[in-house]
Each structure stands twice: as structure tokens, then as C-alpha cells.
C-alpha atoms as a PDB file:
ATOM      1  CA  UNK A   1      84.808 146.498  91.541  1.00  0.00           C
ATOM      2  CA  UNK A   2      84.883 145.772  95.416  1.00  0.00           C
ATOM      3  CA  UNK A   3      82.794 142.627  94.633  1.00  0.00           C
ATOM      4  CA  UNK A   4      86.372 141.474  93.157  1.00  0.00           C
ATOM      5  CA  UNK A   5      88.099 142.507  95.239  1.00  0.00           C
ATOM      6  CA  UNK A   6      85.677 141.070  98.374  1.00  0.00           C
ATOM      7  CA  UNK A   7      86.462 137.701  96.361  1.00  0.00           C
ATOM      8  CA  UNK A   8      90.195 137.686  95.411  1.00  0.00           C
ATOM      9  CA  UNK A   9      90.824 138.231  98.963  1.00  0.00           C
ATOM     10  CA  UNK A  10      88.004 134.774  99.967  1.00  0.00           C
ATOM     11  CA  UNK A  11      89.979 132.781  97.303  1.00  0.00           C
ATOM     12  CA  UNK A  12      93.532 133.961  99.215  1.00  0.00           C
ATOM     13  CA  UNK A  13      91.971 132.879 102.449  1.00  0.00           C
ATOM     14  CA  UNK A  14      90.761 129.346 100.992  1.00  0.00           C
ATOM     15  CA  UNK A  15      94.083 129.059  99.609  1.00  0.00           C
ATOM     16  CA  UNK A  16      96.075 129.118 102.509  1.00  0.00           C
ATOM     17  CA  UNK A  17      93.957 127.078 104.334  1.00  0.00           C
ATOM     18  CA  UNK A  18      93.977 124.197 101.828  1.00  0.00           C
ATOM     19  CA  UNK A  19      98.104 124.359 102.237  1.00  0.00           C
ATOM     20  CA  UNK A  20      98.299 124.975 106.353  1.00  0.00           C
ATOM     21  CA  UNK A  21      95.787 121.464 106.071  1.00  0.00           C
ATOM     22  CA  UNK A  22      97.464 119.690 103.675  1.00  0.00           C
ATOM     23  CA  UNK A  23     100.980 121.506 106.105  1.00  0.00           C
ATOM     24  CA  UNK A  24      99.624 119.904 108.964  1.00  0.00           C
ATOM     25  CA  UNK A  25      99.399 116.448 107.216  1.00  0.00           C
ATOM     26  CA  UNK A  26     102.501 116.116 106.236  1.00  0.00           C
ATOM     27  CA  UNK A  27     103.599 117.318 109.408  1.00  0.00           C
ATOM     28  CA  UNK A  28     101.541 114.384 110.795  1.00  0.00           C
ATOM     29  CA  UNK A  29     102.155 112.209 108.672  1.00  0.00           C
ATOM     30  CA  UNK A  30     106.461 112.183 108.891  1.00  0.00           C
ATOM     31  CA  UNK A  31     108.717 109.633 110.040  1.00  0.00           C
ATOM     32  CA  UNK A  32     108.843 105.603 110.807  1.00  0.00           C
ATOM     33  CA  UNK A  33     105.779 104.074 110.886  1.00  0.00           C
ATOM     34  CA  UNK A  34     104.872  99.598 111.716  1.00  0.00           C
ATOM     35  CA  UNK A  35     102.554  97.936 110.068  1.00  0.00           C
ATOM     36  CA  UNK A  36      99.486  96.594 112.490  1.00  0.00           C
ATOM     37  CA  UNK A  37      97.323  95.596 109.585  1.00  0.00           C
ATOM     38  CA  UNK A  38      96.896  94.943 105.865  1.00  0.00           C
ATOM     39  CA  UNK A  39      94.284  93.694 103.073  1.00  0.00           C
ATOM     40  CA  UNK A  40      94.796  92.989  99.834  1.00  0.00           C
ATOM     41  CA  UNK A  41      92.192  92.602  97.350  1.00  0.00           C
ATOM     42  CA  UNK A  42      90.352  91.812 100.586  1.00  0.00           C
ATOM     43  CA  UNK A  43      92.553  89.063 101.638  1.00  0.00           C
ATOM     44  CA  UNK A  44      94.247  90.046 104.878  1.00  0.00           C
ATOM     45  CA  UNK A  45      97.901  89.297 105.179  1.00  0.00           C
ATOM     46  CA  UNK A  46      99.430  86.533 107.668  1.00  0.00           C
ATOM     47  CA  UNK A  47     100.447  88.031 111.727  1.00  0.00           C
ATOM     48  CA  UNK A  48     104.279  88.058 110.331  1.00  0.00           C
ATOM     49  CA  UNK A  49     104.615  89.502 106.896  1.00  0.00           C
ATOM     50  CA  UNK A  50     103.028  92.474 108.475  1.00  0.00           C
ATOM     51  CA  UNK A  51     105.298  92.422 111.890  1.00  0.00           C
ATOM     52  CA  UNK A  52     108.041  92.709 108.037  1.00  0.00           C
ATOM     53  CA  UNK A  53     106.394  96.291 106.527  1.00  0.00           C
ATOM     54  CA  UNK A  54     108.225  99.194 108.275  1.00  0.00           C
ATOM     55  CA  UNK A  55     107.033 102.691 106.087  1.00  0.00           C
ATOM     56  CA  UNK A  56     109.406 105.336 106.291  1.00  0.00           C
ATOM     57  CA  UNK A  57     107.425 109.205 104.655  1.00  0.00           C
ATOM     58  CA  UNK A  58     109.444 112.191 104.428  1.00  0.00           C
ATOM     59  CA  UNK A  59     107.553 115.746 102.710  1.00  0.00           C
ATOM     60  CA  UNK A  60     108.095 114.377  99.206  1.00  0.00           C
ATOM     61  CA  UNK A  61     108.405 110.622 100.076  1.00  0.00           C
ATOM     62  CA  UNK A  62     106.553 107.335 100.254  1.00  0.00           C
ATOM     63  CA  UNK A  63     108.627 104.169 101.162  1.00  0.00           C
ATOM     64  CA  UNK A  64     107.784 100.690 102.104  1.00  0.00           C
ATOM     65  CA  UNK A  65     109.906  98.005 103.374  1.00  0.00           C
ATOM     66  CA  UNK A  66     109.681  94.575 104.750  1.00  0.00           C
ATOM     67  CA  UNK A  67     113.211  93.832 106.472  1.00  0.00           C
ATOM     68  CA  UNK A  68     115.597  95.379 103.698  1.00  0.00           C
ATOM     69  CA  UNK A  69     113.743  94.943 101.650  1.00  0.00           C
ATOM     70  CA  UNK A  70     112.609  98.412  99.177  1.00  0.00           C
ATOM     71  CA  UNK A  71     109.117  97.693  98.010  1.00  0.00           C
ATOM     72  CA  UNK A  72     107.825 100.688  97.263  1.00  0.00           C
ATOM     73  CA  UNK A  73     109.252 104.252  96.705  1.00  0.00           C
ATOM     74  CA  UNK A  74     107.777 106.520  95.261  1.00  0.00           C
ATOM     75  CA  UNK A  75     107.141 111.292  95.777  1.00  0.00           C
ATOM     76  CA  UNK A  76     103.961 111.608  97.134  1.00  0.00           C
ATOM     77  CA  UNK A  77     101.215 115.142  95.597  1.00  0.00           C
ATOM     78  CA  UNK A  78      98.306 115.624  98.642  1.00  0.00           C
ATOM     79  CA  UNK A  79      94.761 117.655  98.370  1.00  0.00           C
ATOM     80  CA  UNK A  80      93.506 118.126 101.430  1.00  0.00           C
ATOM     81  CA  UNK A  81      90.388 119.502 100.002  1.00  0.00           C
ATOM     82  CA  UNK A  82      89.428 115.837  99.482  1.00  0.00           C
ATOM     83  CA  UNK A  83      87.136 114.870 102.580  1.00  0.00           C
ATOM     84  CA  UNK A  84      89.264 111.619 103.065  1.00  0.00           C
ATOM     85  CA  UNK A  85      92.260 113.654 101.759  1.00  0.00           C
ATOM     86  CA  UNK A  86      94.008 112.272  98.456  1.00  0.00           C
ATOM     87  CA  UNK A  87      97.054 110.490  97.716  1.00  0.00           C
ATOM     88  CA  UNK A  88      99.213 110.467  94.478  1.00  0.00           C
ATOM     89  CA  UNK A  89     102.274 108.048  95.017  1.00  0.00           C
ATOM     90  CA  UNK A  90     104.553 107.863  91.681  1.00  0.00           C
ATOM     91  CA  UNK A  91     107.281 105.248  91.693  1.00  0.00           C
ATOM     92  CA  UNK A  92     110.964 106.350  91.722  1.00  0.00           C
ATOM     93  CA  UNK A  93     112.691 102.974  90.592  1.00  0.00           C
ATOM     94  CA  UNK A  94     112.421  99.534  88.899  1.00  0.00           C
ATOM     95  CA  UNK A  95     108.732  99.443  86.945  1.00  0.00           C
ATOM     96  CA  UNK A  96     106.536 101.540  88.620  1.00  0.00           C
ATOM     97  CA  UNK A  97     108.564 104.203  88.220  1.00  0.00           C
ATOM     98  CA  UNK A  98     107.110 107.505  86.202  1.00  0.00           C
ATOM     99  CA  UNK A  99     104.030 105.564  87.682  1.00  0.00           C
ATOM    100  CA  UNK A 100     101.128 107.026  90.022  1.00  0.00           C
ATOM    101  CA  UNK A 101      98.969 104.910  92.261  1.00  0.00           C
ATOM    102  CA  UNK A 102      96.166 106.272  93.785  1.00  0.00           C
ATOM    103  CA  UNK A 103      94.458 106.271  97.267  1.00  0.00           C
ATOM    104  CA  UNK A 104      93.318 107.580 100.689  1.00  0.00           C
ATOM    105  CA  UNK A 105      95.492 108.767 103.825  1.00  0.00           C
ATOM    106  CA  UNK A 106      94.400 109.964 106.755  1.00  0.00           C
ATOM    107  CA  UNK A 107      96.366 110.715 110.102  1.00  0.00           C
ATOM    108  CA  UNK A 108      94.973 109.956 113.932  1.00  0.00           C
ATOM    109  CA  UNK A 109      97.340 110.678 116.374  1.00  0.00           C
ATOM    110  CA  UNK A 110     100.298 107.568 116.041  1.00  0.00           C
ATOM    111  CA  UNK A 111      97.863 104.584 113.205  1.00  0.00           C
ATOM    112  CA  UNK A 112      98.586 106.070 109.503  1.00  0.00           C
ATOM    113  CA  UNK A 113      95.581 104.596 107.199  1.00  0.00           C
ATOM    114  CA  UNK A 114      96.381 104.700 103.197  1.00  0.00           C
ATOM    115  CA  UNK A 115      93.799 102.968 100.898  1.00  0.00           C
ATOM    116  CA  UNK A 116      95.182 102.939  97.694  1.00  0.00           C
ATOM    117  CA  UNK A 117      95.204 101.287  93.997  1.00  0.00           C
ATOM    118  CA  UNK A 118      98.051 100.403  92.009  1.00  0.00           C
ATOM    119  CA  UNK A 119      98.070 102.272  88.314  1.00  0.00           C
ATOM    120  CA  UNK A 120      95.762 102.524  86.649  1.00  0.00           C
ATOM    121  CA  UNK A 121      93.195 101.259  88.590  1.00  0.00           C
ATOM    122  CA  UNK A 122      91.053 103.495  90.191  1.00  0.00           C
ATOM    123  CA  UNK A 123      91.443 105.558  93.322  1.00  0.00           C
ATOM    124  CA  UNK A 124      89.121 103.930  96.289  1.00  0.00           C
ATOM    125  CA  UNK A 125      86.979 106.527  98.004  1.00  0.00           C
ATOM    126  CA  UNK A 126      86.156 104.515 101.457  1.00  0.00           C
ATOM    127  CA  UNK A 127      89.225 102.372 103.582  1.00  0.00           C
ATOM    128  CA  UNK A 128      88.477  99.268 102.836  1.00  0.00           C
ATOM    129  CA  UNK A 129      89.727  96.590 100.526  1.00  0.00           C
ATOM    130  CA  UNK A 130      86.621  93.774 100.048  1.00  0.00           C
ATOM    131  CA  UNK A 131      87.024  91.004  97.091  1.00  0.00           C
ATOM    132  CA  UNK A 132      88.107  91.960  94.193  1.00  0.00           C
ATOM    133  CA  UNK A 133      88.612  95.164  94.284  1.00  0.00           C
ATOM    134  CA  UNK A 134      92.458  95.232  94.019  1.00  0.00           C
ATOM    135  CA  UNK A 135      92.641  98.464  96.819  1.00  0.00           C
ATOM    136  CA  UNK A 136      95.613  97.879 100.087  1.00  0.00           C
ATOM    137  CA  UNK A 137      94.455  98.625 102.864  1.00  0.00           C
ATOM    138  CA  UNK A 138      96.954  99.540 105.079  1.00  0.00           C
ATOM    139  CA  UNK A 139      97.729 100.493 108.393  1.00  0.00           C
ATOM    140  CA  UNK A 140     100.132 102.248 110.266  1.00  0.00           C
ATOM    141  CA  UNK A 141     101.290 102.527 113.644  1.00  0.00           C
ATOM    142  CA  UNK A 142     103.766 105.373 114.591  1.00  0.00           C
ATOM    143  CA  UNK A 143     107.858 104.227 115.927  1.00  0.00           C
ATOM    144  CA  UNK A 144     107.905 104.419 119.072  1.00  0.00           C
ATOM    145  CA  UNK A 145     112.066 106.249 118.791  1.00  0.00           C
END
């Protein structure tokens, strides 16, 4: 019986730690971001295209815009038990409504890196977008207030 109680206690602690990691990452991701670099399927976007991209993240939403045009609006879920953390984004409008894009995400200081693939494609396991990978690698810098 003591072993069962000890196992249950360890599971509660592990669950609390995982929840705390997810909250911490969500708080660090929240805000507005400007694109610093983007590579899609092995092809870097031009500097002029990169400068037009912005990301707004809340505790539940991931929205990418080019100037004032919404490119991708979604809700998201994190799995911080994975390394790097996994992100699953479900489209909330247009052709991507209800479809899930899967990726990985990391925040270091004022830099957010995300690498994802469109719905139906496998999740990238590295922050890279080689030719023919169909992966989107985007580096964002936190916008100053």
C-alpha cells in the first residue's frame, strides 16, 4: 500500500512540474514578435518579405500577419514534456479551419524559434528546413514596447 501511495505522489509531482513548465513557456511566448528570418522548404524568404511578418501570441492563440493581412490564425497546445517542446496549432479560419499543423518551439531571451509543417505532414524534429522537407522554420524577435 505504501508503494502505491508513493507512486501516486510521484505522479502528482511530475504532473505539477510538467504543468509549471508549460505555463512558463506560454508566458515567455506571449506577446508580439517581428520576423528575423524564415525558411520554407529549404528556401530563405527575402529580407523584404521577412520585414512584413509579425506574430501575436496569447495564452491560447497563434496569429501570423503580413502587414495587416492575417496569414494563419489558430489556437495551440504545448507539450513541454518533449524536448524541444511540441506545439500543435489548429486553424480557426479559412482553408485551415480545424486542421492541425504540428511543430517544435523554443524561446531563449527575446528570440522565439518555431519549426512546423502544414496539416497532414510529419512534425519536424529539428529546427531546420531542408529542401523538400516542407518544413517552415521561422525565427522571431520580441517587439519592443
